[in-house]
Structures are given as structure tokens and as C-alpha cells.
């Protein structure tokens, strides 16, 4: 599995996951939408930990820094 997520992308996903968790556990968002947000937050944290987003791969997206070794 080749990494396709940069550090900024990873931090944003963790922040969003934290916001989703706070919204759910404070009771601001409940029901089905709340559960969907918690699951999505879990996916965000998991993809941030492994630096790989499965949706980026088929679309050819990569937010990793490109380092030029020719210089």
C-alpha cells in the first residue's frame, strides 16, 4: 500500500473526526446522522494512521509532498 496522504490532509482528518465525536457525544447530533458521523470519523482516523485513502487510489489523487531527488 503506497502512501497517498500528506501531513496536512492527515491533520485535517483527525480534527474532523474529533469534531464529529464531540458533536455525537454531547448529543448535538443524534440518531442515524450521528452514527454515520461517528463511523466516518473512525474511518478518517484509521486512514490518517496508515496515510492511505482508498478513494484517492482509483482517482489518482495524492496529497503527499513530492521530493525531487534530481537536484
PDB file of N, CA and C in Angstrom:
ATOM      1  N   UNK A   1       0.849  -1.167   0.000  1.00  0.00           N
ATOM      2  CA  UNK A   1       0.000   0.000   0.000  1.00  0.00           C
ATOM      3  C   UNK A   1       0.900   1.237   0.000  1.00  0.00           C
ATOM      4  N   UNK A   2       0.838   2.015  -1.054  1.00  0.00           N
ATOM      5  CA  UNK A   2       1.651   3.211  -1.189  1.00  0.00           C
ATOM      6  C   UNK A   2       0.939   4.385  -0.520  1.00  0.00           C
ATOM      7  N   UNK A   3       1.676   5.162   0.253  1.00  0.00           N
ATOM      8  CA  UNK A   3       1.084   6.310   0.933  1.00  0.00           C
ATOM      9  C   UNK A   3       0.618   7.344  -0.095  1.00  0.00           C
ATOM     10  N   UNK A   4      -0.593   7.888   0.135  1.00  0.00           N
ATOM     11  CA  UNK A   4      -1.105   8.908  -0.778  1.00  0.00           C
ATOM     12  C   UNK A   4      -1.716  10.094  -0.029  1.00  0.00           C
ATOM     13  N   UNK A   5      -1.369  10.224   1.270  1.00  0.00           N
ATOM     14  CA  UNK A   5      -1.881  11.332   2.071  1.00  0.00           C
ATOM     15  C   UNK A   5      -0.730  12.097   2.699  1.00  0.00           C
ATOM     16  N   UNK A   6      -0.774  13.410   2.550  1.00  0.00           N
ATOM     17  CA  UNK A   6       0.229  14.263   3.166  1.00  0.00           C
ATOM     18  C   UNK A   6      -0.135  14.591   4.603  1.00  0.00           C
ATOM     19  N   UNK A   7       0.772  15.288   5.281  1.00  0.00           N
ATOM     20  CA  UNK A   7       0.569  15.604   6.687  1.00  0.00           C
ATOM     21  C   UNK A   7      -0.617  16.533   6.914  1.00  0.00           C
ATOM     22  N   UNK A   8      -0.797  17.520   6.061  1.00  0.00           N
ATOM     23  CA  UNK A   8      -1.917  18.454   6.226  1.00  0.00           C
ATOM     24  C   UNK A   8      -3.243  17.720   6.093  1.00  0.00           C
ATOM     25  N   UNK A   9      -3.345  16.846   5.120  1.00  0.00           N
ATOM     26  CA  UNK A   9      -4.552  16.046   4.914  1.00  0.00           C
ATOM     27  C   UNK A   9      -4.837  15.185   6.138  1.00  0.00           C
ATOM     28  N   UNK A  10      -3.800  14.587   6.701  1.00  0.00           N
ATOM     29  CA  UNK A  10      -3.961  13.725   7.878  1.00  0.00           C
ATOM     30  C   UNK A  10      -4.442  14.522   9.085  1.00  0.00           C
ATOM     31  N   UNK A  11      -3.866  15.694   9.306  1.00  0.00           N
ATOM     32  CA  UNK A  11      -4.258  16.528  10.449  1.00  0.00           C
ATOM     33  C   UNK A  11      -5.702  16.982  10.309  1.00  0.00           C
ATOM     34  N   UNK A  12      -6.090  17.390   9.110  1.00  0.00           N
ATOM     35  CA  UNK A  12      -7.470  17.834   8.874  1.00  0.00           C
ATOM     36  C   UNK A  12      -8.448  16.704   9.170  1.00  0.00           C
ATOM     37  N   UNK A  13      -8.112  15.484   8.760  1.00  0.00           N
ATOM     38  CA  UNK A  13      -8.995  14.341   9.011  1.00  0.00           C
ATOM     39  C   UNK A  13      -9.138  14.037  10.497  1.00  0.00           C
ATOM     40  N   UNK A  14      -8.047  14.146  11.241  1.00  0.00           N
ATOM     41  CA  UNK A  14      -8.115  13.887  12.684  1.00  0.00           C
ATOM     42  C   UNK A  14      -8.949  14.969  13.369  1.00  0.00           C
ATOM     43  N   UNK A  15      -8.787  16.220  12.961  1.00  0.00           N
ATOM     44  CA  UNK A  15      -9.581  17.317  13.532  1.00  0.00           C
ATOM     45  C   UNK A  15     -11.064  17.109  13.241  1.00  0.00           C
ATOM     46  N   UNK A  16     -11.389  16.743  12.007  1.00  0.00           N
ATOM     47  CA  UNK A  16     -12.790  16.477  11.659  1.00  0.00           C
ATOM     48  C   UNK A  16     -13.353  15.312  12.473  1.00  0.00           C
ATOM     49  N   UNK A  17     -12.559  14.279  12.660  1.00  0.00           N
ATOM     50  CA  UNK A  17     -13.009  13.131  13.456  1.00  0.00           C
ATOM     51  C   UNK A  17     -13.293  13.555  14.890  1.00  0.00           C
ATOM     52  N   UNK A  18     -12.446  14.415  15.444  1.00  0.00           N
ATOM     53  CA  UNK A  18     -12.661  14.902  16.804  1.00  0.00           C
ATOM     54  C   UNK A  18     -13.932  15.736  16.887  1.00  0.00           C
ATOM     55  N   UNK A  19     -14.172  16.565  15.901  1.00  0.00           N
ATOM     56  CA  UNK A  19     -15.391  17.383  15.869  1.00  0.00           C
ATOM     57  C   UNK A  19     -16.624  16.485  15.786  1.00  0.00           C
ATOM     58  N   UNK A  20     -16.576  15.472  14.925  1.00  0.00           N
ATOM     59  CA  UNK A  20     -17.703  14.543  14.804  1.00  0.00           C
ATOM     60  C   UNK A  20     -17.973  13.843  16.129  1.00  0.00           C
ATOM     61  N   UNK A  21     -16.909  13.423  16.814  1.00  0.00           N
ATOM     62  CA  UNK A  21     -17.069  12.729  18.090  1.00  0.00           C
ATOM     63  C   UNK A  21     -17.690  13.656  19.135  1.00  0.00           C
ATOM     64  N   UNK A  22     -17.235  14.895  19.194  1.00  0.00           N
ATOM     65  CA  UNK A  22     -17.784  15.853  20.161  1.00  0.00           C
ATOM     66  C   UNK A  22     -19.257  16.107  19.871  1.00  0.00           C
ATOM     67  N   UNK A  23     -19.590  16.288  18.602  1.00  0.00           N
ATOM     68  CA  UNK A  23     -20.994  16.526  18.242  1.00  0.00           C
ATOM     69  C   UNK A  23     -21.881  15.351  18.648  1.00  0.00           C
ATOM     70  N   UNK A  24     -21.374  14.145  18.462  1.00  0.00           N
ATOM     71  CA  UNK A  24     -22.171  12.965  18.792  1.00  0.00           C
ATOM     72  C   UNK A  24     -22.288  12.768  20.302  1.00  0.00           C
ATOM     73  N   UNK A  25     -21.173  12.831  21.006  1.00  0.00           N
ATOM     74  CA  UNK A  25     -21.185  12.509  22.433  1.00  0.00           C
ATOM     75  C   UNK A  25     -21.761  13.618  23.305  1.00  0.00           C
ATOM     76  N   UNK A  26     -21.887  14.825  22.774  1.00  0.00           N
ATOM     77  CA  UNK A  26     -22.576  15.885  23.527  1.00  0.00           C
ATOM     78  C   UNK A  26     -24.067  15.881  23.231  1.00  0.00           C
ATOM     79  N   UNK A  27     -24.490  15.069  22.302  1.00  0.00           N
ATOM     80  CA  UNK A  27     -25.912  14.970  21.973  1.00  0.00           C
ATOM     81  C   UNK A  27     -26.390  16.014  20.985  1.00  0.00           C
ATOM     82  N   UNK A  28     -25.470  16.759  20.404  1.00  0.00           N
ATOM     83  CA  UNK A  28     -25.850  17.767  19.407  1.00  0.00           C
ATOM     84  C   UNK A  28     -26.390  17.103  18.148  1.00  0.00           C
ATOM     85  N   UNK A  29     -25.737  16.041  17.723  1.00  0.00           N
ATOM     86  CA  UNK A  29     -26.183  15.276  16.558  1.00  0.00           C
ATOM     87  C   UNK A  29     -26.504  13.867  17.058  1.00  0.00           C
ATOM     88  N   UNK A  30     -27.727  13.425  16.824  1.00  0.00           N
ATOM     89  CA  UNK A  30     -28.141  12.110  17.304  1.00  0.00           C
ATOM     90  C   UNK A  30     -28.739  11.293  16.168  1.00  0.00           C
ATOM     91  N   UNK A  31     -29.133  10.092  16.490  1.00  0.00           N
ATOM     92  CA  UNK A  31     -29.810   9.231  15.525  1.00  0.00           C
ATOM     93  C   UNK A  31     -28.877   8.710  14.453  1.00  0.00           C
ATOM     94  N   UNK A  32     -29.453   8.480  13.302  1.00  0.00           N
ATOM     95  CA  UNK A  32     -28.710   7.893  12.192  1.00  0.00           C
ATOM     96  C   UNK A  32     -27.578   8.804  11.736  1.00  0.00           C
ATOM     97  N   UNK A  33     -27.830  10.091  11.643  1.00  0.00           N
ATOM     98  CA  UNK A  33     -26.778  11.023  11.217  1.00  0.00           C
ATOM     99  C   UNK A  33     -25.605  11.002  12.193  1.00  0.00           C
ATOM    100  N   UNK A  34     -25.907  10.926  13.472  1.00  0.00           N
ATOM    101  CA  UNK A  34     -24.853  10.856  14.479  1.00  0.00           C
ATOM    102  C   UNK A  34     -23.994   9.628  14.324  1.00  0.00           C
ATOM    103  N   UNK A  35     -24.623   8.479  14.104  1.00  0.00           N
ATOM    104  CA  UNK A  35     -23.869   7.239  13.909  1.00  0.00           C
ATOM    105  C   UNK A  35     -23.033   7.285  12.634  1.00  0.00           C
ATOM    106  N   UNK A  36     -23.588   7.853  11.587  1.00  0.00           N
ATOM    107  CA  UNK A  36     -22.836   7.982  10.334  1.00  0.00           C
ATOM    108  C   UNK A  36     -21.605   8.855  10.556  1.00  0.00           C
ATOM    109  N   UNK A  37     -21.761   9.953  11.306  1.00  0.00           N
ATOM    110  CA  UNK A  37     -20.622  10.828  11.570  1.00  0.00           C
ATOM    111  C   UNK A  37     -19.559  10.131  12.418  1.00  0.00           C
ATOM    112  N   UNK A  38     -19.970   9.340  13.400  1.00  0.00           N
ATOM    113  CA  UNK A  38     -19.009   8.614  14.228  1.00  0.00           C
ATOM    114  C   UNK A  38     -18.255   7.588  13.395  1.00  0.00           C
ATOM    115  N   UNK A  39     -18.950   6.870  12.546  1.00  0.00           N
ATOM    116  CA  UNK A  39     -18.297   5.881  11.672  1.00  0.00           C
ATOM    117  C   UNK A  39     -17.347   6.574  10.707  1.00  0.00           C
ATOM    118  N   UNK A  40     -17.784   7.679  10.112  1.00  0.00           N
ATOM    119  CA  UNK A  40     -16.930   8.438   9.200  1.00  0.00           C
ATOM    120  C   UNK A  40     -15.693   8.962   9.931  1.00  0.00           C
ATOM    121  N   UNK A  41     -15.880   9.420  11.162  1.00  0.00           N
ATOM    122  CA  UNK A  41     -14.747   9.871  11.965  1.00  0.00           C
ATOM    123  C   UNK A  41     -13.761   8.751  12.224  1.00  0.00           C
ATOM    124  N   UNK A  42     -14.273   7.556  12.490  1.00  0.00           N
ATOM    125  CA  UNK A  42     -13.400   6.399  12.680  1.00  0.00           C
ATOM    126  C   UNK A  42     -12.601   6.077  11.435  1.00  0.00           C
ATOM    127  N   UNK A  43     -13.253   6.165  10.296  1.00  0.00           N
ATOM    128  CA  UNK A  43     -12.562   5.927   9.021  1.00  0.00           C
ATOM    129  C   UNK A  43     -11.490   6.994   8.809  1.00  0.00           C
ATOM    130  N   UNK A  44     -11.809   8.243   9.127  1.00  0.00           N
ATOM    131  CA  UNK A  44     -10.832   9.323   8.994  1.00  0.00           C
ATOM    132  C   UNK A  44      -9.598   9.066   9.851  1.00  0.00           C
ATOM    133  N   UNK A  45      -9.808   8.632  11.095  1.00  0.00           N
ATOM    134  CA  UNK A  45      -8.677   8.365  11.984  1.00  0.00           C
ATOM    135  C   UNK A  45      -7.856   7.193  11.457  1.00  0.00           C
ATOM    136  N   UNK A  46      -8.520   6.137  11.028  1.00  0.00           N
ATOM    137  CA  UNK A  46      -7.817   4.965  10.510  1.00  0.00           C
ATOM    138  C   UNK A  46      -6.988   5.312   9.275  1.00  0.00           C
ATOM    139  N   UNK A  47      -7.585   6.037   8.323  1.00  0.00           N
ATOM    140  CA  UNK A  47      -6.841   6.393   7.116  1.00  0.00           C
ATOM    141  C   UNK A  47      -5.696   7.352   7.434  1.00  0.00           C
ATOM    142  N   UNK A  48      -5.876   8.190   8.455  1.00  0.00           N
ATOM    143  CA  UNK A  48      -4.792   9.096   8.852  1.00  0.00           C
ATOM    144  C   UNK A  48      -3.623   8.318   9.442  1.00  0.00           C
ATOM    145  N   UNK A  49      -3.919   7.284  10.215  1.00  0.00           N
ATOM    146  CA  UNK A  49      -2.856   6.497  10.833  1.00  0.00           C
ATOM    147  C   UNK A  49      -2.026   5.736   9.807  1.00  0.00           C
ATOM    148  N   UNK A  50      -2.664   5.245   8.755  1.00  0.00           N
ATOM    149  CA  UNK A  50      -1.939   4.475   7.747  1.00  0.00           C
ATOM    150  C   UNK A  50      -1.496   5.317   6.551  1.00  0.00           C
ATOM    151  N   UNK A  51      -1.892   6.582   6.518  1.00  0.00           N
ATOM    152  CA  UNK A  51      -1.520   7.522   5.437  1.00  0.00           C
ATOM    153  C   UNK A  51      -1.965   7.042   4.063  1.00  0.00           C
ATOM    154  N   UNK A  52      -3.077   6.345   4.023  1.00  0.00           N
ATOM    155  CA  UNK A  52      -3.580   5.838   2.746  1.00  0.00           C
ATOM    156  C   UNK A  52      -5.087   6.008   2.694  1.00  0.00           C
ATOM    157  N   UNK A  53      -5.578   6.647   1.638  1.00  0.00           N
ATOM    158  CA  UNK A  53      -7.012   6.794   1.427  1.00  0.00           C
ATOM    159  C   UNK A  53      -7.416   5.931   0.232  1.00  0.00           C
ATOM    160  N   UNK A  54      -8.280   4.937   0.461  1.00  0.00           N
ATOM    161  CA  UNK A  54      -8.674   4.054  -0.632  1.00  0.00           C
ATOM    162  C   UNK A  54      -9.417   4.772  -1.752  1.00  0.00           C
ATOM    163  N   UNK A  55     -10.074   5.875  -1.462  1.00  0.00           N
ATOM    164  CA  UNK A  55     -10.785   6.615  -2.510  1.00  0.00           C
ATOM    165  C   UNK A  55      -9.822   7.413  -3.395  1.00  0.00           C
ATOM    166  N   UNK A  56      -8.665   7.782  -2.859  1.00  0.00           N
ATOM    167  CA  UNK A  56      -7.684   8.525  -3.652  1.00  0.00           C
ATOM    168  C   UNK A  56      -7.046   7.651  -4.729  1.00  0.00           C
ATOM    169  N   UNK A  57      -6.837   6.368  -4.429  1.00  0.00           N
ATOM    170  CA  UNK A  57      -6.107   5.475  -5.336  1.00  0.00           C
ATOM    171  C   UNK A  57      -6.744   5.367  -6.726  1.00  0.00           C
ATOM    172  N   UNK A  58      -8.038   5.026  -6.859  1.00  0.00           N
ATOM    173  CA  UNK A  58      -8.595   4.899  -8.209  1.00  0.00           C
ATOM    174  C   UNK A  58      -8.703   6.239  -8.936  1.00  0.00           C
ATOM    175  N   UNK A  59      -8.745   7.318  -8.174  1.00  0.00           N
ATOM    176  CA  UNK A  59      -8.845   8.641  -8.793  1.00  0.00           C
ATOM    177  C   UNK A  59      -7.479   9.240  -9.111  1.00  0.00           C
ATOM    178  N   UNK A  60      -6.417   8.586  -8.661  1.00  0.00           N
ATOM    179  CA  UNK A  60      -5.068   9.059  -8.934  1.00  0.00           C
ATOM    180  C   UNK A  60      -4.680  10.293  -8.137  1.00  0.00           C
ATOM    181  N   UNK A  61      -5.317  10.506  -6.987  1.00  0.00           N
ATOM    182  CA  UNK A  61      -5.040  11.675  -6.161  1.00  0.00           C
ATOM    183  C   UNK A  61      -3.976  11.328  -5.139  1.00  0.00           C
ATOM    184  N   UNK A  62      -3.053  12.256  -4.912  1.00  0.00           N
ATOM    185  CA  UNK A  62      -2.049  12.098  -3.873  1.00  0.00           C
ATOM    186  C   UNK A  62      -1.764  13.469  -3.275  1.00  0.00           C
ATOM    187  N   UNK A  63      -1.830  13.568  -1.946  1.00  0.00           N
ATOM    188  CA  UNK A  63      -1.520  14.824  -1.287  1.00  0.00           C
ATOM    189  C   UNK A  63      -0.154  14.777  -0.621  1.00  0.00           C
ATOM    190  N   UNK A  64       0.621  13.737  -0.919  1.00  0.00           N
ATOM    191  CA  UNK A  64       1.980  13.625  -0.366  1.00  0.00           C
ATOM    192  C   UNK A  64       2.880  14.673  -1.011  1.00  0.00           C
ATOM    193  N   UNK A  65       3.891  15.096  -0.239  1.00  0.00           N
ATOM    194  CA  UNK A  65       4.877  16.006  -0.796  1.00  0.00           C
ATOM    195  C   UNK A  65       5.717  15.254  -1.811  1.00  0.00           C
ATOM    196  N   UNK A  66       5.956  15.905  -2.942  1.00  0.00           N
ATOM    197  CA  UNK A  66       6.804  15.312  -3.969  1.00  0.00           C
ATOM    198  C   UNK A  66       8.214  15.849  -3.771  1.00  0.00           C
ATOM    199  N   UNK A  67       9.149  14.941  -3.543  1.00  0.00           N
ATOM    200  CA  UNK A  67      10.531  15.331  -3.320  1.00  0.00           C
ATOM    201  C   UNK A  67      11.320  15.037  -4.589  1.00  0.00           C
ATOM    202  N   UNK A  68      12.004  16.057  -5.069  1.00  0.00           N
ATOM    203  CA  UNK A  68      12.781  15.933  -6.292  1.00  0.00           C
ATOM    204  C   UNK A  68      14.196  15.465  -5.923  1.00  0.00           C
ATOM    205  N   UNK A  69      14.538  14.234  -6.297  1.00  0.00           N
ATOM    206  CA  UNK A  69      15.845  13.681  -5.968  1.00  0.00           C
ATOM    207  C   UNK A  69      16.891  14.043  -7.024  1.00  0.00           C
ATOM    208  N   UNK A  70      16.480  14.657  -8.120  1.00  0.00           N
ATOM    209  CA  UNK A  70      17.420  15.006  -9.180  1.00  0.00           C
ATOM    210  C   UNK A  70      18.265  16.219  -8.816  1.00  0.00           C
ATOM    211  N   UNK A  71      17.825  17.006  -7.851  1.00  0.00           N
ATOM    212  CA  UNK A  71      18.563  18.228  -7.501  1.00  0.00           C
ATOM    213  C   UNK A  71      19.806  17.946  -6.709  1.00  0.00           C
TER     214      UNK A  71
END
